[in-house]
Amino acid sequence: MPPTATTLEYASEAPKPLVYSRLAKHHLLDNQKPDYLRLILTAKVYEILKETPLVLATNLSAKLGNEIWLKREDLQEVFSFKIRGAYNFMASLNDEERWKGVITCSAGNHAQGVALSGSKLSIPCTIVMPRGTPSIKVRNVERLGAKVILHGIDFDEAKAECARLADVHGLVFVPPYDDPLVIAGQGTIGMEILKQLPDSDNLEGIFAAVGGGGLVAGISAYVKRIGNPRTKVFGVETVDGDAMDKSLAQGERITLPEVGPFSDGTAVRIVGSEGFRICKELLDGVVKTDNDAICAAIKDIFEETRSITEPAGALAVAGLKHYILKNNLVGAQKRFVAVISGANMNFDRLRFVAERAELGEGREALFSVDIPEKPGSFLTLHTVIHPRDVTEFIYRYNKSTAPDRAHVLVSFKVDAKKRTAEIKSLLNEFEAGGMKGYDISDNELAKSHGRYLIGGSQPVPNERIFRFEFPERPNALRNFLLGLRYDWNISLFHYRNHGADIGKVLAGIQVPPLENDEFDAFLKKLNYTYVEETENPVYKRFLHGDE
């Protein structure tokens, strides 16, 4: 089911086919396509920016057995690479366009890049944001001198108002990624990498996050012209936000029906037309990764630099690690670069990142273990786990539903390099000790909700269990409650703020079997993303008590 749009950056933008009217004739090739080498070499970004450092990630290099370098775009004045493309575009405007001003619609890094560029170029800037945009983002943009207009309950409404204002007042729209001048501005990162890296001829690959595609397109356009032909460029996407990967597979741009919001800086449902054209020709591939791996990458970067990146900022490192492991390149002594693309992290997300990082690294395992309900069973269980560090241990006696067996949720440290074999061995040891173990490290209900609710189980007649994603905005819960029939009783409800643009909710609702069709119609009308978990073994074992 498609989610209700929130403040995701250009989550539902469908760019129109490009024309190159802003480019001079000498910026076009014989085929009338942009000459990106010339555009990058003559980009105006260095009028206000200095080159960001390229640093060796010593710990990560040792762990992966390869030479890993980090391109520190998180050290830009607005903590993101977006300033490069925004400034290069705005610096190309003529006097009349500058006098009238520019407008854009963004609740993230692009807004700050446009605002800072406007302050440096004395161009009036208007930024349209949804009304639910966090106040810290609004203040940051206003601090840089831009005028903020809060409009609409979601991003689509804000974008429509942005288009209306641009038309009424004759303002130039500053695109976030789908423009040759923006792409060329981002492409200066590729130029800096080849210049800064010692012996760049031996560079194996560059990894960069993909949202609309402007960053990885710009890097590819330069590196494939100037670098060693053997040097590869990879885009990195999330498994629930893979518009570029699907588009390249189909040979045309694909619009995703929904997109995961955790990596909000890359949460784009359709990639830009120009970026796609370049990537189709030059990009060597797309690597996909998940939220746990992103959290682990944020931790890796923190341990290297003592800086905390946003999820999209760490996406390239997560993809690089996945690529090395998947292709058996640990210890290969090859040279790679990952672009750290941004560090505009909401502080309240750190709790979620810290909780998931160990799982993402493969260093923590989450288990459900059934043990005999008798004295000495805990010691037997711990003897199997010992000497591993236990990170969580949850149990509650429940005589009515499990008089002979106790259900325990436990997490502990494991060796990431030997994880598969170690878990298999543990399961066998549990079995030999009269216990039954279940690896639930990938069970989303357990990770997001179950571990906070366990403490007793209760069979509830006609109960159905759902994991919902509620938009983090006023009335999201009320809309849900108002739509419920008065006789559909809520039997369980768990919400925990994860610092994202969506709220993760676990809800139990008593629905008589004859009314299931009516309830399903209610869910469809509600239009919130959900997964039914009524058959989830963690729910049955810990919260329902029928196993």
Protein backbone atom coordinates (compact mmCIF):
# COMPACT_ATOMS: atom_id res chain seq x y z
CA MET A 1 0.00 0.00 0.00
CA PRO A 2 1.40 3.44 -0.77
CA PRO A 3 2.30 5.59 2.24
CA THR A 4 0.82 8.98 2.88
CA ALA A 5 3.44 11.50 1.70
CA THR A 6 5.35 13.29 4.44
CA THR A 7 8.32 15.58 4.26
CA LEU A 8 10.46 13.29 2.13
CA GLU A 9 12.64 15.23 -0.24
CA TYR A 10 11.04 15.13 -3.68
CA ALA A 11 9.55 11.75 -2.84
CA SER A 12 6.96 11.98 -5.60
CA GLU A 13 8.59 14.30 -8.09
CA ALA A 14 8.28 13.35 -11.73
CA PRO A 15 10.67 15.67 -13.60
CA LYS A 16 9.78 16.76 -17.11
CA PRO A 17 12.09 15.96 -20.04
CA LEU A 18 15.05 18.31 -20.04
CA VAL A 19 16.01 20.99 -22.48
CA TYR A 20 19.48 22.50 -22.38
CA SER A 21 18.52 26.09 -23.06
CA ARG A 22 20.61 27.41 -20.14
CA LEU A 23 23.81 26.03 -21.63
CA ALA A 24 26.01 27.97 -24.04
CA LYS A 25 26.83 26.35 -27.38
CA HIS A 26 30.38 25.60 -26.26
CA HIS A 27 28.93 23.57 -23.35
CA LEU A 28 27.27 21.14 -25.78
CA LEU A 29 28.79 18.22 -27.64
CA ASP A 30 28.22 17.53 -31.33
CA ASN A 31 25.17 15.44 -30.42
CA GLN A 32 23.75 18.47 -28.57
CA LYS A 33 24.11 16.78 -25.19
CA PRO A 34 25.96 18.56 -22.34
CA ASP A 35 29.74 18.40 -22.32
CA TYR A 36 30.07 17.49 -18.65
CA LEU A 37 33.85 17.55 -18.60
CA ARG A 38 33.82 21.21 -19.66
CA LEU A 39 30.91 22.00 -17.33
CA ILE A 40 32.66 20.45 -14.34
CA LEU A 41 36.03 22.06 -15.06
CA THR A 42 34.37 25.48 -15.36
CA ALA A 43 31.91 25.04 -12.46
CA LYS A 44 31.56 28.08 -10.23
CA VAL A 45 31.43 26.20 -6.93
CA TYR A 46 34.91 27.31 -5.87
CA GLU A 47 33.76 30.90 -5.72
CA ILE A 48 32.46 30.07 -2.25
CA LEU A 49 33.64 26.53 -1.42
CA LYS A 50 36.93 24.91 -0.61
CA GLU A 51 37.73 21.32 -1.47
CA THR A 52 36.53 18.90 1.19
CA PRO A 53 39.14 16.48 2.56
CA LEU A 54 39.60 12.90 1.42
CA VAL A 55 40.65 10.90 4.49
CA LEU A 56 41.87 7.35 4.96
CA ALA A 57 39.50 5.29 7.13
CA THR A 58 42.14 3.43 9.12
CA ASN A 59 39.86 1.23 11.23
CA LEU A 60 37.51 0.36 8.37
CA SER A 61 40.46 -0.41 6.10
CA ALA A 62 41.90 -2.81 8.68
CA LYS A 63 38.53 -4.48 9.27
CA LEU A 64 37.82 -5.02 5.56
CA GLY A 65 41.38 -5.67 4.40
CA ASN A 66 41.16 -2.94 1.76
CA GLU A 67 42.18 0.72 1.52
CA ILE A 68 39.02 2.72 2.27
CA TRP A 69 38.90 6.50 1.76
CA LEU A 70 36.10 8.82 2.85
CA LYS A 71 35.18 11.95 0.87
CA ARG A 72 33.97 14.30 3.63
CA GLU A 73 31.06 16.23 2.12
CA ASP A 74 29.58 16.34 5.62
CA LEU A 75 32.14 19.09 6.31
CA GLN A 76 30.48 21.56 3.95
CA GLU A 77 29.07 24.71 5.58
CA VAL A 78 25.55 23.28 5.23
CA PHE A 79 26.79 19.76 6.11
CA SER A 80 25.89 18.37 2.69
CA PHE A 81 27.13 18.15 -0.91
CA LYS A 82 23.90 19.82 -2.10
CA ILE A 83 25.48 23.27 -1.90
CA ARG A 84 27.65 22.45 -4.94
CA GLY A 85 24.81 21.93 -7.41
CA ALA A 86 22.60 24.66 -5.97
CA TYR A 87 25.35 27.29 -6.15
CA ASN A 88 26.53 26.31 -9.63
CA PHE A 89 22.96 26.62 -10.93
CA MET A 90 22.19 29.91 -9.19
CA ALA A 91 25.52 31.49 -10.17
CA SER A 92 24.53 31.00 -13.84
CA LEU A 93 21.37 33.15 -13.56
CA ASN A 94 21.22 36.44 -15.42
CA ASP A 95 20.66 39.79 -13.73
CA GLU A 96 16.88 39.85 -14.23
CA GLU A 97 16.48 36.32 -12.85
CA ARG A 98 18.63 37.19 -9.85
CA TRP A 99 16.60 40.32 -9.17
CA LYS A 100 13.30 38.44 -9.20
CA GLY A 101 14.66 35.65 -7.03
CA VAL A 102 14.43 31.88 -6.93
CA ILE A 103 12.14 29.34 -5.33
CA THR A 104 12.36 25.68 -4.43
CA CYS A 105 10.45 23.09 -2.44
CA SER A 106 12.47 21.09 0.05
CA ALA A 107 12.53 20.15 3.69
CA GLY A 108 16.12 18.97 3.70
CA ASN A 109 19.65 19.59 2.48
CA HIS A 110 18.68 21.12 -0.86
CA ALA A 111 16.79 23.90 0.95
CA GLN A 112 19.87 24.82 2.94
CA GLY A 113 22.08 24.73 -0.15
CA VAL A 114 19.76 27.10 -2.00
CA ALA A 115 19.48 29.42 1.01
CA LEU A 116 23.25 29.67 1.50
CA SER A 117 23.82 30.19 -2.23
CA GLY A 118 21.24 32.97 -2.23
CA SER A 119 22.94 34.71 0.68
CA LYS A 120 26.32 34.57 -1.08
CA LEU A 121 24.93 35.74 -4.43
CA SER A 122 22.43 38.29 -3.03
CA ILE A 123 19.55 36.42 -4.65
CA PRO A 124 16.21 36.41 -2.78
CA CYS A 125 15.20 32.83 -1.99
CA THR A 126 11.84 31.37 -1.12
CA ILE A 127 11.62 27.85 0.27
CA VAL A 128 8.26 26.10 0.44
CA MET A 129 8.00 23.43 3.15
CA PRO A 130 5.11 21.30 4.42
CA ARG A 131 3.54 22.56 7.64
CA GLY A 132 4.76 19.51 9.55
CA THR A 133 8.45 20.20 8.84
CA PRO A 134 10.52 20.01 12.07
CA SER A 135 11.20 23.48 13.45
CA ILE A 136 14.97 22.92 13.48
CA LYS A 137 14.96 22.64 9.67
CA VAL A 138 12.84 25.75 9.31
CA ARG A 139 15.15 27.73 11.60
CA ASN A 140 18.27 26.56 9.75
CA VAL A 141 16.90 27.79 6.42
CA GLU A 142 15.71 31.10 7.87
CA ARG A 143 19.09 31.59 9.55
CA LEU A 144 20.68 31.49 6.11
CA GLY A 145 18.45 34.34 4.95
CA ALA A 146 15.75 32.58 2.95
CA LYS A 147 12.02 33.19 3.28
CA VAL A 148 10.17 30.05 4.40
CA ILE A 149 6.55 29.40 3.43
CA LEU A 150 4.86 26.56 5.31
CA HIS A 151 2.09 25.14 3.18
CA GLY A 152 0.15 21.92 2.98
CA ILE A 153 -0.06 18.83 5.13
CA ASP A 154 2.38 16.86 2.99
CA PHE A 155 5.13 17.32 0.43
CA ASP A 156 2.86 17.04 -2.61
CA GLU A 157 0.76 19.99 -1.45
CA ALA A 158 3.89 22.04 -0.72
CA LYS A 159 5.29 21.23 -4.17
CA ALA A 160 2.07 22.31 -5.86
CA GLU A 161 2.18 25.64 -4.01
CA CYS A 162 5.84 26.06 -5.02
CA ALA A 163 4.91 25.63 -8.70
CA ARG A 164 2.04 28.12 -8.34
CA LEU A 165 4.23 30.78 -6.71
CA ALA A 166 6.96 30.33 -9.32
CA ASP A 167 4.43 30.90 -12.10
CA VAL A 168 2.66 33.85 -10.48
CA HIS A 169 5.82 35.75 -9.55
CA GLY A 170 8.11 34.68 -12.37
CA LEU A 171 10.61 33.01 -10.05
CA VAL A 172 13.24 30.55 -11.24
CA PHE A 173 12.81 27.09 -9.74
CA VAL A 174 16.07 25.61 -8.45
CA PRO A 175 15.94 21.86 -9.16
CA PRO A 176 17.44 19.51 -6.57
CA TYR A 177 19.11 17.15 -9.05
CA ASP A 178 17.67 17.04 -12.57
CA ASP A 179 19.62 19.79 -14.33
CA PRO A 180 23.01 19.77 -16.13
CA LEU A 181 24.37 22.67 -14.04
CA VAL A 182 23.32 20.97 -10.81
CA ILE A 183 24.84 17.67 -11.97
CA ALA A 184 28.06 19.42 -12.98
CA GLY A 185 28.26 21.07 -9.55
CA GLN A 186 28.00 17.67 -7.87
CA GLY A 187 30.50 16.29 -10.39
CA THR A 188 33.26 18.46 -8.93
CA ILE A 189 33.38 15.83 -6.15
CA GLY A 190 34.67 13.29 -8.69
CA MET A 191 37.27 15.78 -9.89
CA GLU A 192 38.49 16.34 -6.33
CA ILE A 193 38.66 12.60 -5.58
CA LEU A 194 40.96 11.88 -8.53
CA LYS A 195 43.12 14.89 -7.70
CA GLN A 196 43.39 14.20 -3.97
CA LEU A 197 43.83 10.44 -3.98
CA PRO A 198 47.42 9.20 -4.05
CA ASP A 199 47.93 7.13 -7.20
CA SER A 200 44.32 7.41 -8.40
CA ASP A 201 45.12 5.12 -11.32
CA ASN A 202 44.82 2.23 -8.88
CA LEU A 203 41.39 3.26 -7.63
CA GLU A 204 39.08 0.25 -7.78
CA GLY A 205 35.77 1.97 -7.22
CA ILE A 206 33.79 4.96 -5.95
CA PHE A 207 30.50 4.56 -4.05
CA ALA A 208 27.93 7.35 -3.72
CA ALA A 209 24.33 7.56 -2.55
CA VAL A 210 21.52 7.71 -5.09
CA GLY A 211 18.38 9.76 -4.58
CA GLY A 212 17.42 11.65 -7.72
CA GLY A 213 20.72 10.58 -9.31
CA GLY A 214 22.50 13.94 -9.67
CA LEU A 215 25.46 13.10 -7.41
CA VAL A 216 26.37 9.74 -8.89
CA ALA A 217 25.73 11.02 -12.44
CA GLY A 218 28.10 13.95 -11.95
CA ILE A 219 30.83 11.76 -10.47
CA SER A 220 30.44 9.20 -13.28
CA ALA A 221 30.58 11.89 -15.96
CA TYR A 222 34.00 13.08 -14.76
CA VAL A 223 35.62 9.85 -13.59
CA LYS A 224 34.72 7.94 -16.74
CA ARG A 225 36.34 10.65 -18.90
CA ILE A 226 39.45 11.35 -16.83
CA GLY A 227 40.05 8.39 -14.52
CA ASN A 228 41.46 4.95 -15.23
CA PRO A 229 38.96 3.01 -17.39
CA ARG A 230 39.12 0.21 -14.80
CA THR A 231 37.80 2.49 -12.05
CA LYS A 232 34.16 1.67 -11.34
CA VAL A 233 31.43 3.97 -10.06
CA PHE A 234 28.57 2.48 -8.05
CA GLY A 235 25.36 4.02 -6.82
CA VAL A 236 23.96 2.91 -3.47
CA GLU A 237 20.24 2.72 -2.70
CA THR A 238 18.10 1.31 0.08
CA VAL A 239 16.18 -1.89 -0.55
CA ASP A 240 12.94 0.09 -0.08
CA GLY A 241 14.03 3.04 -2.23
CA ASP A 242 15.63 1.55 -5.34
CA ALA A 243 14.22 3.68 -8.14
CA MET A 244 17.55 3.85 -10.02
CA ASP A 245 18.20 0.12 -9.85
CA LYS A 246 14.72 -0.73 -11.10
CA SER A 247 14.93 1.92 -13.82
CA LEU A 248 18.29 0.64 -15.11
CA ALA A 249 16.92 -2.91 -15.15
CA GLN A 250 13.90 -1.81 -17.20
CA GLY A 251 15.81 0.59 -19.46
CA GLU A 252 13.42 3.43 -18.59
CA ARG A 253 12.54 5.48 -15.53
CA ILE A 254 10.29 3.62 -13.11
CA THR A 255 8.13 5.33 -10.48
CA LEU A 256 8.09 3.47 -7.18
CA PRO A 257 4.65 3.09 -5.57
CA GLU A 258 6.21 3.79 -2.18
CA VAL A 259 9.61 4.57 -0.72
CA GLY A 260 11.15 3.90 2.69
CA PRO A 261 11.59 7.08 4.74
CA PHE A 262 14.57 6.24 6.97
CA SER A 263 17.16 7.47 4.48
CA ASP A 264 15.09 10.59 3.85
CA GLY A 265 17.82 12.39 1.90
CA THR A 266 17.52 9.75 -0.85
CA ALA A 267 13.78 9.02 -0.55
CA VAL A 268 12.86 9.64 -4.19
CA ARG A 269 10.17 7.74 -6.06
CA ILE A 270 11.50 8.55 -9.56
CA VAL A 271 15.03 9.52 -10.57
CA GLY A 272 15.80 12.53 -12.73
CA SER A 273 15.70 12.14 -16.50
CA GLU A 274 19.16 13.59 -17.13
CA GLY A 275 20.78 11.69 -14.27
CA PHE A 276 19.20 8.49 -15.54
CA ARG A 277 20.48 9.13 -19.06
CA ILE A 278 24.03 9.48 -17.74
CA CYS A 279 23.81 6.52 -15.36
CA LYS A 280 22.39 4.26 -18.04
CA GLU A 281 25.51 4.94 -20.08
CA LEU A 282 28.23 5.22 -17.44
CA LEU A 283 27.25 3.76 -14.06
CA ASP A 284 28.78 0.35 -13.28
CA GLY A 285 25.95 -0.79 -11.06
CA VAL A 286 23.78 -0.19 -8.02
CA VAL A 287 24.32 -1.74 -4.60
CA LYS A 288 21.35 -2.01 -2.25
CA THR A 289 21.41 -2.03 1.54
CA ASP A 290 18.98 -1.95 4.47
CA ASN A 291 18.38 0.25 7.50
CA ASP A 292 20.36 -1.90 9.94
CA ALA A 293 23.40 -1.78 7.65
CA ILE A 294 23.04 2.01 7.37
CA CYS A 295 23.02 2.30 11.17
CA ALA A 296 26.17 0.17 11.31
CA ALA A 297 27.79 2.46 8.72
CA ILE A 298 26.90 5.56 10.78
CA LYS A 299 28.72 3.92 13.68
CA ASP A 300 31.72 3.10 11.44
CA ILE A 301 31.99 6.71 10.32
CA PHE A 302 31.67 7.97 13.89
CA GLU A 303 34.49 5.70 15.03
CA GLU A 304 36.68 6.98 12.17
CA THR A 305 35.89 10.70 12.32
CA ARG A 306 33.86 11.38 15.52
CA SER A 307 31.22 12.86 13.22
CA ILE A 308 27.61 11.65 13.08
CA THR A 309 26.14 11.47 9.60
CA GLU A 310 22.52 11.31 8.56
CA PRO A 311 21.29 7.97 7.14
CA ALA A 312 21.70 9.09 3.51
CA GLY A 313 25.18 10.38 4.38
CA ALA A 314 26.29 6.90 5.45
CA LEU A 315 24.59 5.07 2.59
CA ALA A 316 27.75 4.89 0.47
CA VAL A 317 29.75 3.25 3.28
CA ALA A 318 26.98 0.71 3.87
CA GLY A 319 26.96 -0.11 0.16
CA LEU A 320 30.76 -0.34 0.00
CA LYS A 321 30.84 -2.81 2.91
CA HIS A 322 28.08 -4.90 1.31
CA TYR A 323 29.91 -4.96 -2.03
CA ILE A 324 33.19 -6.11 -0.46
CA LEU A 325 31.51 -8.87 1.56
CA LYS A 326 29.27 -10.05 -1.29
CA ASN A 327 32.19 -10.29 -3.74
CA ASN A 328 34.58 -11.97 -1.27
CA LEU A 329 36.96 -9.01 -1.38
CA VAL A 330 37.85 -8.94 2.32
CA GLY A 331 41.64 -8.80 2.42
CA ALA A 332 41.92 -8.06 -1.30
CA GLN A 333 43.95 -4.87 -0.65
CA LYS A 334 42.03 -2.88 -3.22
CA ARG A 335 41.37 0.86 -3.03
CA PHE A 336 37.87 2.30 -2.65
CA VAL A 337 36.27 5.70 -1.98
CA ALA A 338 32.92 6.31 -0.29
CA VAL A 339 31.28 9.74 -0.45
CA ILE A 340 29.97 10.87 2.95
CA SER A 341 27.19 12.97 1.51
CA GLY A 342 25.58 14.66 4.51
CA ALA A 343 25.36 15.08 8.27
CA ASN A 344 22.03 16.79 8.94
CA MET A 345 20.98 14.22 11.52
CA ASN A 346 17.96 14.68 13.75
CA PHE A 347 19.19 14.12 17.30
CA ASP A 348 16.21 11.97 18.28
CA ARG A 349 17.16 9.41 15.62
CA LEU A 350 20.34 8.49 17.47
CA ARG A 351 18.53 6.09 19.79
CA PHE A 352 17.27 4.04 16.85
CA VAL A 353 20.69 4.12 15.16
CA ALA A 354 22.47 2.92 18.29
CA GLU A 355 19.98 0.08 18.79
CA ARG A 356 20.26 -1.17 15.23
CA ALA A 357 23.99 -0.67 14.58
CA GLU A 358 25.10 -3.89 16.27
CA LEU A 359 22.54 -5.91 14.32
CA GLY A 360 23.62 -4.18 11.13
CA GLU A 361 27.24 -5.10 11.74
CA GLY A 362 26.28 -8.71 12.33
CA ARG A 363 27.83 -8.46 15.79
CA GLU A 364 24.59 -8.93 17.71
CA ALA A 365 22.12 -11.77 17.47
CA LEU A 366 18.52 -11.58 18.69
CA PHE A 367 17.07 -14.91 19.80
CA SER A 368 13.85 -16.32 21.13
CA VAL A 369 14.53 -19.38 23.28
CA ASP A 370 12.01 -21.79 24.80
CA ILE A 371 13.34 -23.30 28.03
CA PRO A 372 11.82 -25.63 30.65
CA GLU A 373 9.85 -23.71 33.29
CA LYS A 374 11.85 -25.07 36.22
CA PRO A 375 14.71 -23.98 38.51
CA GLY A 376 18.15 -24.03 36.90
CA SER A 377 16.94 -23.41 33.33
CA PHE A 378 18.30 -19.87 33.19
CA LEU A 379 21.75 -21.11 34.18
CA THR A 380 21.60 -23.80 31.49
CA LEU A 381 20.65 -21.18 28.93
CA HIS A 382 23.41 -18.80 30.00
CA THR A 383 25.96 -21.61 29.98
CA VAL A 384 25.32 -22.11 26.26
CA ILE A 385 25.64 -18.36 25.56
CA HIS A 386 28.66 -17.81 27.85
CA PRO A 387 31.21 -16.19 27.42
CA ARG A 388 29.44 -13.99 24.88
CA ASP A 389 28.31 -10.57 26.14
CA VAL A 390 24.57 -10.55 26.80
CA THR A 391 23.00 -7.24 25.69
CA GLU A 392 19.35 -7.96 26.52
CA PHE A 393 17.45 -10.58 28.50
CA ILE A 394 13.65 -10.47 28.86
CA TYR A 395 11.37 -12.97 30.59
CA ARG A 396 8.02 -12.93 32.42
CA TYR A 397 6.41 -15.94 34.09
CA ASN A 398 2.95 -16.73 32.72
CA LYS A 399 1.37 -19.78 34.30
CA SER A 400 -1.93 -19.55 32.39
CA THR A 401 -0.52 -19.82 28.88
CA ALA A 402 2.82 -21.59 29.29
CA PRO A 403 2.90 -23.63 32.51
CA ASP A 404 5.71 -25.96 31.40
CA ARG A 405 7.76 -23.83 29.02
CA ALA A 406 9.28 -20.38 29.47
CA HIS A 407 9.74 -18.02 26.50
CA VAL A 408 12.90 -15.90 26.76
CA LEU A 409 14.02 -13.10 24.46
CA VAL A 410 17.79 -12.63 24.60
CA SER A 411 20.38 -10.76 22.54
CA PHE A 412 24.14 -11.19 22.71
CA LYS A 413 27.34 -10.44 20.85
CA VAL A 414 28.64 -12.79 18.15
CA ASP A 415 31.63 -12.85 15.82
CA ALA A 416 30.44 -11.06 12.67
CA LYS A 417 32.92 -12.94 10.48
CA LYS A 418 31.72 -16.35 11.70
CA ARG A 419 28.10 -15.39 12.37
CA THR A 420 26.36 -18.05 10.28
CA ALA A 421 28.39 -20.96 11.67
CA GLU A 422 28.18 -19.60 15.21
CA ILE A 423 24.39 -19.29 15.14
CA LYS A 424 24.03 -22.80 13.72
CA SER A 425 26.21 -24.13 16.52
CA LEU A 426 24.18 -22.27 19.14
CA LEU A 427 20.90 -23.69 17.83
CA ASN A 428 22.34 -27.20 18.11
CA GLU A 429 23.57 -26.54 21.66
CA PHE A 430 20.16 -25.25 22.70
CA GLU A 431 18.56 -28.40 21.31
CA ALA A 432 21.04 -30.63 23.15
CA GLY A 433 20.23 -28.82 26.40
CA GLY A 434 16.50 -29.42 26.14
CA MET A 435 15.79 -25.94 24.77
CA LYS A 436 14.49 -24.63 21.44
CA GLY A 437 16.13 -21.55 19.92
CA TYR A 438 14.92 -19.26 17.12
CA ASP A 439 17.09 -16.66 15.39
CA ILE A 440 14.83 -13.58 15.13
CA SER A 441 17.54 -11.04 14.21
CA ASP A 442 15.64 -10.21 11.00
CA ASN A 443 12.16 -10.13 12.54
CA GLU A 444 11.02 -6.51 12.28
CA LEU A 445 8.17 -6.95 14.77
CA ALA A 446 10.64 -8.22 17.36
CA LYS A 447 13.19 -5.46 16.74
CA SER A 448 10.81 -2.48 16.62
CA HIS A 449 8.10 -3.53 19.09
CA GLY A 450 8.28 -7.00 20.63
CA ARG A 451 11.37 -6.44 22.75
CA TYR A 452 9.62 -3.49 24.47
CA LEU A 453 6.29 -5.25 25.08
CA ILE A 454 7.35 -8.68 26.32
CA GLY A 455 6.37 -9.34 29.90
CA GLY A 456 3.33 -11.58 29.68
CA SER A 457 1.02 -13.03 27.07
CA GLN A 458 -2.73 -13.11 26.76
CA PRO A 459 -4.90 -14.85 24.16
CA VAL A 460 -7.40 -12.31 22.79
CA PRO A 461 -10.40 -13.52 20.76
CA ASN A 462 -10.46 -12.45 17.10
CA GLU A 463 -7.28 -10.38 17.48
CA ARG A 464 -5.46 -9.25 14.34
CA ILE A 465 -2.01 -7.67 14.63
CA PHE A 466 -0.63 -4.96 12.33
CA ARG A 467 2.59 -3.01 12.00
CA PHE A 468 1.57 0.44 10.77
CA GLU A 469 3.58 3.40 9.56
CA PHE A 470 1.75 6.52 10.74
CA PRO A 471 2.79 9.87 9.23
CA GLU A 472 4.52 11.95 11.94
CA ARG A 473 2.08 14.83 11.68
CA PRO A 474 -0.96 16.15 13.57
CA ASN A 475 -4.14 14.04 13.43
CA ALA A 476 -2.44 10.90 12.07
CA LEU A 477 -3.55 8.86 15.08
CA ARG A 478 -6.94 10.60 15.24
CA ASN A 479 -7.70 9.74 11.61
CA PHE A 480 -7.00 6.12 12.47
CA LEU A 481 -9.22 6.13 15.55
CA LEU A 482 -12.08 7.98 13.86
CA GLY A 483 -12.21 5.39 11.08
CA LEU A 484 -12.48 2.43 13.45
CA ARG A 485 -15.94 1.09 14.13
CA TYR A 486 -16.88 1.49 17.78
CA ASP A 487 -17.11 -2.29 18.24
CA TRP A 488 -13.64 -3.00 16.79
CA ASN A 489 -11.77 -3.00 20.07
CA ILE A 490 -8.08 -2.00 20.23
CA SER A 491 -6.46 -4.78 22.26
CA LEU A 492 -2.80 -3.76 21.90
CA PHE A 493 -1.08 -0.52 20.93
CA HIS A 494 2.63 0.29 20.93
CA TYR A 495 4.19 3.44 19.51
CA ARG A 496 7.80 4.51 19.83
CA ASN A 497 9.34 7.62 18.27
CA HIS A 498 12.28 6.67 16.07
CA GLY A 499 13.15 10.20 14.98
CA ALA A 500 11.94 9.59 11.44
CA ASP A 501 9.18 11.06 9.31
CA ILE A 502 6.93 8.11 10.13
CA GLY A 503 5.80 6.64 13.43
CA LYS A 504 6.09 2.88 13.87
CA VAL A 505 2.96 1.48 15.51
CA LEU A 506 2.05 -2.05 16.51
CA ALA A 507 -1.70 -2.43 16.99
CA GLY A 508 -3.94 -5.31 17.94
CA ILE A 509 -7.60 -5.01 16.90
CA GLN A 510 -10.41 -7.42 17.66
CA VAL A 511 -12.30 -8.06 14.42
CA PRO A 512 -14.98 -10.78 14.23
CA PRO A 513 -14.24 -13.11 11.29
CA LEU A 514 -17.45 -12.16 9.47
CA GLU A 515 -16.34 -8.51 9.47
CA ASN A 516 -12.83 -9.04 8.06
CA ASP A 517 -13.81 -7.79 4.59
CA GLU A 518 -15.24 -4.60 6.06
CA PHE A 519 -12.12 -4.10 8.15
CA ASP A 520 -9.87 -4.62 5.13
CA ALA A 521 -11.86 -1.94 3.30
CA PHE A 522 -11.20 0.40 6.24
CA LEU A 523 -7.44 -0.25 5.95
CA LYS A 524 -7.51 0.49 2.24
CA LYS A 525 -9.33 3.78 2.79
CA LEU A 526 -6.95 4.72 5.63
CA ASN A 527 -4.04 4.48 3.14
CA TYR A 528 -1.31 3.99 5.76
CA THR A 529 1.49 1.54 5.04
CA TYR A 530 1.03 -1.65 7.06
CA VAL A 531 2.07 -5.28 7.40
CA GLU A 532 -0.25 -7.78 9.05
CA GLU A 533 1.64 -9.75 11.71
CA THR A 534 -1.13 -12.00 13.08
CA GLU A 535 0.91 -15.09 12.14
CA ASN A 536 4.27 -13.70 13.27
CA PRO A 537 5.91 -16.31 15.56
CA VAL A 538 7.23 -13.65 17.95
CA TYR A 539 3.70 -12.30 18.48
CA LYS A 540 2.32 -15.80 18.99
CA ARG A 541 5.06 -16.86 21.38
CA PHE A 542 5.40 -13.75 23.52
CA LEU A 543 2.18 -11.75 23.23
CA HIS A 544 -0.58 -14.22 22.42
CA GLY A 545 0.59 -17.31 24.22
CA ASP A 546 -0.64 -20.02 21.87
CA GLU A 547 2.75 -21.58 21.11
